[in-house]
Structures are given as C-alpha cells and as structure tokens.
C-alpha atoms as a PDB file:
ATOM      1  CA  MET A   1     118.015  81.561  59.750  1.00  0.00           C
ATOM      2  CA  THR A   2     120.552  84.131  60.958  1.00  0.00           C
ATOM      3  CA  PRO A   3     119.496  86.096  64.061  1.00  0.00           C
ATOM      4  CA  ASP A   4     118.865  89.836  63.539  1.00  0.00           C
ATOM      5  CA  ILE A   5     122.011  91.491  64.912  1.00  0.00           C
ATOM      6  CA  THR A   6     120.156  94.818  65.166  1.00  0.00           C
ATOM      7  CA  THR A   7     117.803  93.675  67.940  1.00  0.00           C
ATOM      8  CA  LEU A   8     118.648  94.258  71.581  1.00  0.00           C
ATOM      9  CA  ARG A   9     117.819  90.646  72.437  1.00  0.00           C
ATOM     10  CA  VAL A  10     120.434  89.342  69.980  1.00  0.00           C
ATOM     11  CA  GLN A  11     122.945  92.017  70.962  1.00  0.00           C
ATOM     12  CA  ARG A  12     122.626  90.973  74.620  1.00  0.00           C
ATOM     13  CA  GLU A  13     123.486  87.408  73.638  1.00  0.00           C
ATOM     14  CA  THR A  14     126.241  88.101  71.116  1.00  0.00           C
ATOM     15  CA  LYS A  15     127.760  91.406  72.288  1.00  0.00           C
ATOM     16  CA  PRO A  16     128.491  92.278  68.653  1.00  0.00           C
ATOM     17  CA  LYS A  17     131.366  94.295  67.334  1.00  0.00           C
ATOM     18  CA  PHE A  18     130.546  97.799  66.138  1.00  0.00           C
ATOM     19  CA  GLU A  19     132.018  96.916  62.739  1.00  0.00           C
ATOM     20  CA  ASP A  20     129.562  94.024  62.372  1.00  0.00           C
ATOM     21  CA  VAL A  21     126.438  96.094  63.037  1.00  0.00           C
ATOM     22  CA  LEU A  22     127.251  99.393  61.335  1.00  0.00           C
ATOM     23  CA  PRO A  23     126.768  98.142  57.734  1.00  0.00           C
ATOM     24  CA  VAL A  24     123.073  97.646  58.526  1.00  0.00           C
ATOM     25  CA  TYR A  25     122.694 101.358  59.301  1.00  0.00           C
ATOM     26  CA  LEU A  26     125.423 103.137  57.352  1.00  0.00           C
ATOM     27  CA  ASP A  27     126.662 103.075  53.801  1.00  0.00           C
ATOM     28  CA  GLY A  28     128.905 105.076  51.500  1.00  0.00           C
ATOM     29  CA  GLU A  29     131.114 107.748  53.058  1.00  0.00           C
ATOM     30  CA  MET A  30     129.403 107.487  56.445  1.00  0.00           C
ATOM     31  CA  LYS A  31     130.139 103.748  56.623  1.00  0.00           C
ATOM     32  CA  GLU A  32     133.743 104.321  55.573  1.00  0.00           C
ATOM     33  CA  SER A  33     134.127 107.083  58.170  1.00  0.00           C
ATOM     34  CA  ALA A  34     132.707 104.869  60.937  1.00  0.00           C
ATOM     35  CA  LEU A  35     134.952 101.956  59.965  1.00  0.00           C
ATOM     36  CA  ASN A  36     137.977 104.275  59.907  1.00  0.00           C
ATOM     37  CA  PHE A  37     137.055 105.524  63.370  1.00  0.00           C
ATOM     38  CA  ALA A  38     136.739 101.968  64.706  1.00  0.00           C
ATOM     39  CA  THR A  39     140.182 101.152  63.279  1.00  0.00           C
ATOM     40  CA  TRP A  40     141.694 104.377  64.613  1.00  0.00           C
ATOM     41  CA  ILE A  41     140.318 103.951  68.133  1.00  0.00           C
ATOM     42  CA  HIS A  42     141.550 100.342  68.250  1.00  0.00           C
ATOM     43  CA  GLU A  43     145.019 101.392  67.063  1.00  0.00           C
ATOM     44  CA  ASN A  44     145.084 104.009  69.823  1.00  0.00           C
ATOM     45  CA  LYS A  45     144.447 101.347  72.457  1.00  0.00           C
ATOM     46  CA  MET A  46     140.822 102.284  73.157  1.00  0.00           C
ATOM     47  CA  PRO A  47     138.899  99.508  71.367  1.00  0.00           C
ATOM     48  CA  LEU A  48     135.114  99.681  71.211  1.00  0.00           C
ATOM     49  CA  LYS A  49     133.183  97.099  73.233  1.00  0.00           C
ATOM     50  CA  TRP A  50     129.429  96.578  73.246  1.00  0.00           C
ATOM     51  CA  ALA A  51     128.045  98.833  76.018  1.00  0.00           C
ATOM     52  CA  GLY A  52     125.070  96.731  77.093  1.00  0.00           C
ATOM     53  CA  LEU A  53     122.654  99.141  75.416  1.00  0.00           C
ATOM     54  CA  HIS A  54     120.913  98.798  72.079  1.00  0.00           C
ATOM     55  CA  ASN A  55     123.286  99.796  69.269  1.00  0.00           C
ATOM     56  CA  ALA A  56     125.841 101.309  71.661  1.00  0.00           C
ATOM     57  CA  TRP A  57     129.569 100.712  72.111  1.00  0.00           C
ATOM     58  CA  LYS A  58     132.073 102.308  74.456  1.00  0.00           C
ATOM     59  CA  ALA A  59     135.806 102.752  74.555  1.00  0.00           C
ATOM     60  CA  MET A  60     137.590 102.796  77.894  1.00  0.00           C
ATOM     61  CA  CYS A  61     140.675 104.628  79.125  1.00  0.00           C
ATOM     62  CA  LYS A  62     142.080 104.293  82.633  1.00  0.00           C
ATOM     63  CA  GLY A  63     138.939 102.480  83.808  1.00  0.00           C
ATOM     64  CA  LYS A  64     136.477 105.124  82.593  1.00  0.00           C
ATOM     65  CA  ALA A  65     134.610 105.565  79.336  1.00  0.00           C
ATOM     66  CA  ILE A  66     136.400 107.882  76.932  1.00  0.00           C
ATOM     67  CA  CYS A  67     133.639 107.773  74.326  1.00  0.00           C
ATOM     68  CA  TYR A  68     130.444 106.075  73.295  1.00  0.00           C
ATOM     69  CA  VAL A  69     129.442 105.346  69.720  1.00  0.00           C
ATOM     70  CA  ARG A  70     125.789 104.754  68.972  1.00  0.00           C
ATOM     71  CA  LEU A  71     123.961 103.701  65.854  1.00  0.00           C
ATOM     72  CA  TYR A  72     120.395 104.775  65.235  1.00  0.00           C
ATOM     73  CA  ASN A  73     117.672 103.094  67.232  1.00  0.00           C
ATOM     74  CA  ASP A  74     114.016 103.843  67.836  1.00  0.00           C
ATOM     75  CA  GLY A  75     114.808 105.205  71.291  1.00  0.00           C
ATOM     76  CA  TRP A  76     116.126 108.348  69.612  1.00  0.00           C
ATOM     77  CA  SER A  77     112.601 109.109  68.455  1.00  0.00           C
ATOM     78  CA  ASN A  78     110.609 108.410  71.598  1.00  0.00           C
ATOM     79  CA  SER A  79     108.939 111.821  71.505  1.00  0.00           C
ATOM     80  CA  GLU A  80     108.054 114.173  68.686  1.00  0.00           C
ATOM     81  CA  HIS A  81     110.642 116.720  69.875  1.00  0.00           C
ATOM     82  CA  LEU A  82     113.444 114.157  70.074  1.00  0.00           C
ATOM     83  CA  LYS A  83     112.358 112.637  66.762  1.00  0.00           C
ATOM     84  CA  ASN A  84     112.873 116.036  65.135  1.00  0.00           C
ATOM     85  CA  VAL A  85     116.423 116.127  66.499  1.00  0.00           C
ATOM     86  CA  TYR A  86     117.588 112.522  66.612  1.00  0.00           C
ATOM     87  CA  GLY A  87     115.467 111.004  63.861  1.00  0.00           C
ATOM     88  CA  LYS A  88     117.548 112.728  61.199  1.00  0.00           C
ATOM     89  CA  HIS A  89     120.805 111.122  62.306  1.00  0.00           C
ATOM     90  CA  LEU A  90     122.253 107.672  61.773  1.00  0.00           C
ATOM     91  CA  TRP A  91     125.112 107.591  64.267  1.00  0.00           C
ATOM     92  CA  VAL A  92     126.736 109.651  66.993  1.00  0.00           C
ATOM     93  CA  ILE A  93     130.018 109.804  68.898  1.00  0.00           C
ATOM     94  CA  THR A  94     129.914 111.165  72.434  1.00  0.00           C
ATOM     95  CA  PRO A  95     133.428 111.834  73.731  1.00  0.00           C
ATOM     96  CA  HIS A  96     133.793 111.890  77.510  1.00  0.00           C
ATOM     97  CA  LEU A  97     135.991 114.948  77.915  1.00  0.00           C
ATOM     98  CA  LEU A  98     136.394 114.631  81.676  1.00  0.00           C
ATOM     99  CA  ASN A  99     139.612 116.671  81.737  1.00  0.00           C
ATOM    100  CA  LEU A 100     138.777 119.284  79.098  1.00  0.00           C
ATOM    101  CA  ASN A 101     139.986 122.130  81.320  1.00  0.00           C
ATOM    102  CA  SER A 102     143.467 120.580  81.504  1.00  0.00           C
ATOM    103  CA  TYR A 103     143.933 120.847  77.719  1.00  0.00           C
ATOM    104  CA  ALA A 104     141.646 123.817  77.008  1.00  0.00           C
ATOM    105  CA  GLU A 105     144.582 125.964  75.844  1.00  0.00           C
ATOM    106  CA  THR A 106     145.497 123.328  73.257  1.00  0.00           C
ATOM    107  CA  VAL A 107     141.875 123.091  72.072  1.00  0.00           C
ATOM    108  CA  ILE A 108     141.766 126.858  71.597  1.00  0.00           C
ATOM    109  CA  SER A 109     145.242 127.136  70.022  1.00  0.00           C
ATOM    110  CA  GLU A 110     144.293 124.382  67.546  1.00  0.00           C
ATOM    111  CA  ASN A 111     140.981 126.150  66.846  1.00  0.00           C
ATOM    112  CA  MET A 112     138.777 123.248  67.955  1.00  0.00           C
ATOM    113  CA  GLN A 113     136.519 125.229  70.294  1.00  0.00           C
ATOM    114  CA  ASN A 114     133.884 125.882  67.608  1.00  0.00           C
ATOM    115  CA  PHE A 115     133.537 122.147  67.060  1.00  0.00           C
ATOM    116  CA  ILE A 116     132.830 121.681  70.758  1.00  0.00           C
ATOM    117  CA  TRP A 117     130.451 124.660  70.948  1.00  0.00           C
ATOM    118  CA  ASP A 118     128.588 123.525  67.825  1.00  0.00           C
ATOM    119  CA  ASN A 119     128.083 120.005  69.176  1.00  0.00           C
ATOM    120  CA  VAL A 120     127.043 120.561  72.798  1.00  0.00           C
ATOM    121  CA  HIS A 121     124.072 118.503  73.946  1.00  0.00           C
ATOM    122  CA  HIS A 122     121.346 120.929  74.941  1.00  0.00           C
ATOM    123  CA  CYS A 123     118.622 119.754  77.274  1.00  0.00           C
ATOM    124  CA  MET A 124     115.644 118.569  75.211  1.00  0.00           C
ATOM    125  CA  PHE A 125     113.524 117.135  77.990  1.00  0.00           C
ATOM    126  CA  CYS A 126     115.183 113.791  77.608  1.00  0.00           C
ATOM    127  CA  ARG A 127     114.738 111.196  80.298  1.00  0.00           C
ATOM    128  CA  THR A 128     117.400 112.598  82.618  1.00  0.00           C
ATOM    129  CA  PRO A 129     117.055 114.562  85.869  1.00  0.00           C
ATOM    130  CA  CYS A 130     117.851 118.035  84.482  1.00  0.00           C
ATOM    131  CA  HIS A 131     114.341 119.256  83.840  1.00  0.00           C
ATOM    132  CA  GLY A 132     114.044 122.259  86.060  1.00  0.00           C
ATOM    133  CA  ASN A 133     112.730 125.629  85.127  1.00  0.00           C
ATOM    134  CA  PRO A 134     114.497 126.396  82.813  1.00  0.00           C
ATOM    135  CA  PRO A 135     115.695 122.925  81.806  1.00  0.00           C
ATOM    136  CA  GLY A 136     119.362 122.034  81.887  1.00  0.00           C
ATOM    137  CA  LYS A 137     122.098 124.228  83.265  1.00  0.00           C
ATOM    138  CA  ASP A 138     124.136 127.132  81.969  1.00  0.00           C
ATOM    139  CA  VAL A 139     127.883 126.487  81.808  1.00  0.00           C
ATOM    140  CA  MET A 140     131.065 128.195  80.698  1.00  0.00           C
ATOM    141  CA  VAL A 141     132.783 126.053  78.056  1.00  0.00           C
ATOM    142  CA  LEU A 142     136.150 127.219  76.750  1.00  0.00           C
ATOM    143  CA  GLY A 143     135.339 130.826  77.585  1.00  0.00           C
ATOM    144  CA  LYS A 144     131.816 130.840  76.140  1.00  0.00           C
ATOM    145  CA  ASP A 145     128.534 130.838  78.062  1.00  0.00           C
ATOM    146  CA  ILE A 146     126.362 127.984  76.837  1.00  0.00           C
ATOM    147  CA  LYS A 147     122.704 127.834  77.913  1.00  0.00           C
ATOM    148  CA  SER A 148     120.592 124.789  78.841  1.00  0.00           C
ATOM    149  CA  ILE A 149     123.202 122.054  78.728  1.00  0.00           C
ATOM    150  CA  CYS A 150     121.820 118.635  79.586  1.00  0.00           C
ATOM    151  CA  ILE A 151     123.310 117.648  82.947  1.00  0.00           C
ATOM    152  CA  GLY A 152     122.439 113.981  82.525  1.00  0.00           C
ATOM    153  CA  ARG A 153     124.479 113.469  79.371  1.00  0.00           C
ATOM    154  CA  GLN A 154     127.953 114.158  78.033  1.00  0.00           C
ATOM    155  CA  LEU A 155     128.703 117.700  76.880  1.00  0.00           C
ATOM    156  CA  VAL A 156     129.482 116.867  73.230  1.00  0.00           C
ATOM    157  CA  TRP A 157     127.349 114.753  70.874  1.00  0.00           C
ATOM    158  CA  ALA A 158     128.774 114.683  67.346  1.00  0.00           C
ATOM    159  CA  PHE A 159     126.035 113.379  65.052  1.00  0.00           C
ATOM    160  CA  ASP A 160     126.980 111.922  61.663  1.00  0.00           C
ATOM    161  CA  PRO A 161     130.486 113.450  61.823  1.00  0.00           C
ATOM    162  CA  ASP A 162     132.107 114.333  58.519  1.00  0.00           C
ATOM    163  CA  GLU A 163     135.846 114.045  57.816  1.00  0.00           C
ATOM    164  CA  ALA A 164     136.649 117.351  59.539  1.00  0.00           C
ATOM    165  CA  GLY A 165     134.538 116.354  62.540  1.00  0.00           C
ATOM    166  CA  MET A 166     136.237 112.972  62.758  1.00  0.00           C
ATOM    167  CA  SER A 167     139.625 114.675  62.740  1.00  0.00           C
ATOM    168  CA  MET A 168     138.547 116.918  65.638  1.00  0.00           C
ATOM    169  CA  LEU A 169     137.076 113.994  67.579  1.00  0.00           C
ATOM    170  CA  ASN A 170     140.229 111.943  67.129  1.00  0.00           C
ATOM    171  CA  ARG A 171     142.384 114.838  68.338  1.00  0.00           C
ATOM    172  CA  LEU A 172     140.128 115.476  71.341  1.00  0.00           C
ATOM    173  CA  LEU A 173     140.248 111.799  72.295  1.00  0.00           C
ATOM    174  CA  VAL A 174     144.064 111.801  72.086  1.00  0.00           C
ATOM    175  CA  LEU A 175     144.199 114.887  74.320  1.00  0.00           C
ATOM    176  CA  GLU A 176     141.778 113.290  76.785  1.00  0.00           C
ATOM    177  CA  GLN A 177     143.731 110.028  76.731  1.00  0.00           C
ATOM    178  CA  LYS A 178     147.002 111.866  77.470  1.00  0.00           C
ATOM    179  CA  SER A 179     145.379 113.861  80.264  1.00  0.00           C
ATOM    180  CA  ARG A 180     144.331 110.626  81.967  1.00  0.00           C
ATOM    181  CA  SER A 181     147.881 109.215  81.946  1.00  0.00           C
END
C-alpha cells in the first residue's frame, strides 16, 4: 500500500516535491498553471523545497524565503471566518517582497500595483500576534493606504492565481530576486 502523500506524517518523512503532491488537489488549468510555476521558479534558480509544514513549499533567494506555495489543507478552515475565506481556495502563492520599496517605481510603471493591492492579506483574526483593537495595522503600500494588514503574515497572498496573476507574480519575484543581488 502506497503511503498517503497528502498527510503531514508522510510529508515529514518524504519531504515531497510540490509537483508530486499538487495533482491530488489541482486539475485542469489550475494544475497546469501550478506545474508551469514550479518549472518557471526552478528555471529561475529558486526551486521549491518542502517547507516543513503541511502542504507547503518555499523557494529561497540569498538565504531568505522569496515565496511560499501552499496547497489546501484543513488548517485553512480552522474557524468559520477563515473557512469562508480560505475554504474556497485550492492553492496560494505568498511572495516575500522584502525589498518592494526598491522597485516600487517599476511596479507602478508596469501597472502591477492593483495586483498587489487586490491581494493583500488583511488581518482575519488568524493565529498571529496582530489582534489589537482594531486588528492588524494600517500601512502605505505603493502610495495607497491599506487598512488592517496582518502583521504576522506576508503582505501578498495570491489565491488560485490565473494566467494574468501568474505573470504578475513571476515578474514580482524576478524584481525581488534582482533587488537581493
């Protein structure tokens, strides 16, 4: 009997490749998009490695994570509120845009700011230390005030990205990679 590659116990033992697990969760265009992303990120010298978390992989650049890729798991629906948000999605890419300010002009000139604004991770009373009154923090992102950003998570969470979203994510990761060099 083949072990269930989707369980955390098996993932801890095998440290599976993203490409091996994603067919269990994704199909059709979403599967193709995820496979294309895995190929692209490998070709750009940021290969995905199992992150030590259930259904999570990370890519590194200059010793720091440049993005995480996660496939659906039950942890996304640990409360009714989160279930309403996360339960509808099958996968997510969270780019670590540590140097966004250094290439902000390029992001704006290439008209990518709406993608970032539309995919910010607002505080939803997740299990991070940002739950004040009000929750999260207000930040200025590419010239726009954004309210209640989760301070315990990355700024951008792109759920189930389509082709246009993948193009933006790829470009943002290239800009971030160059800024770290």
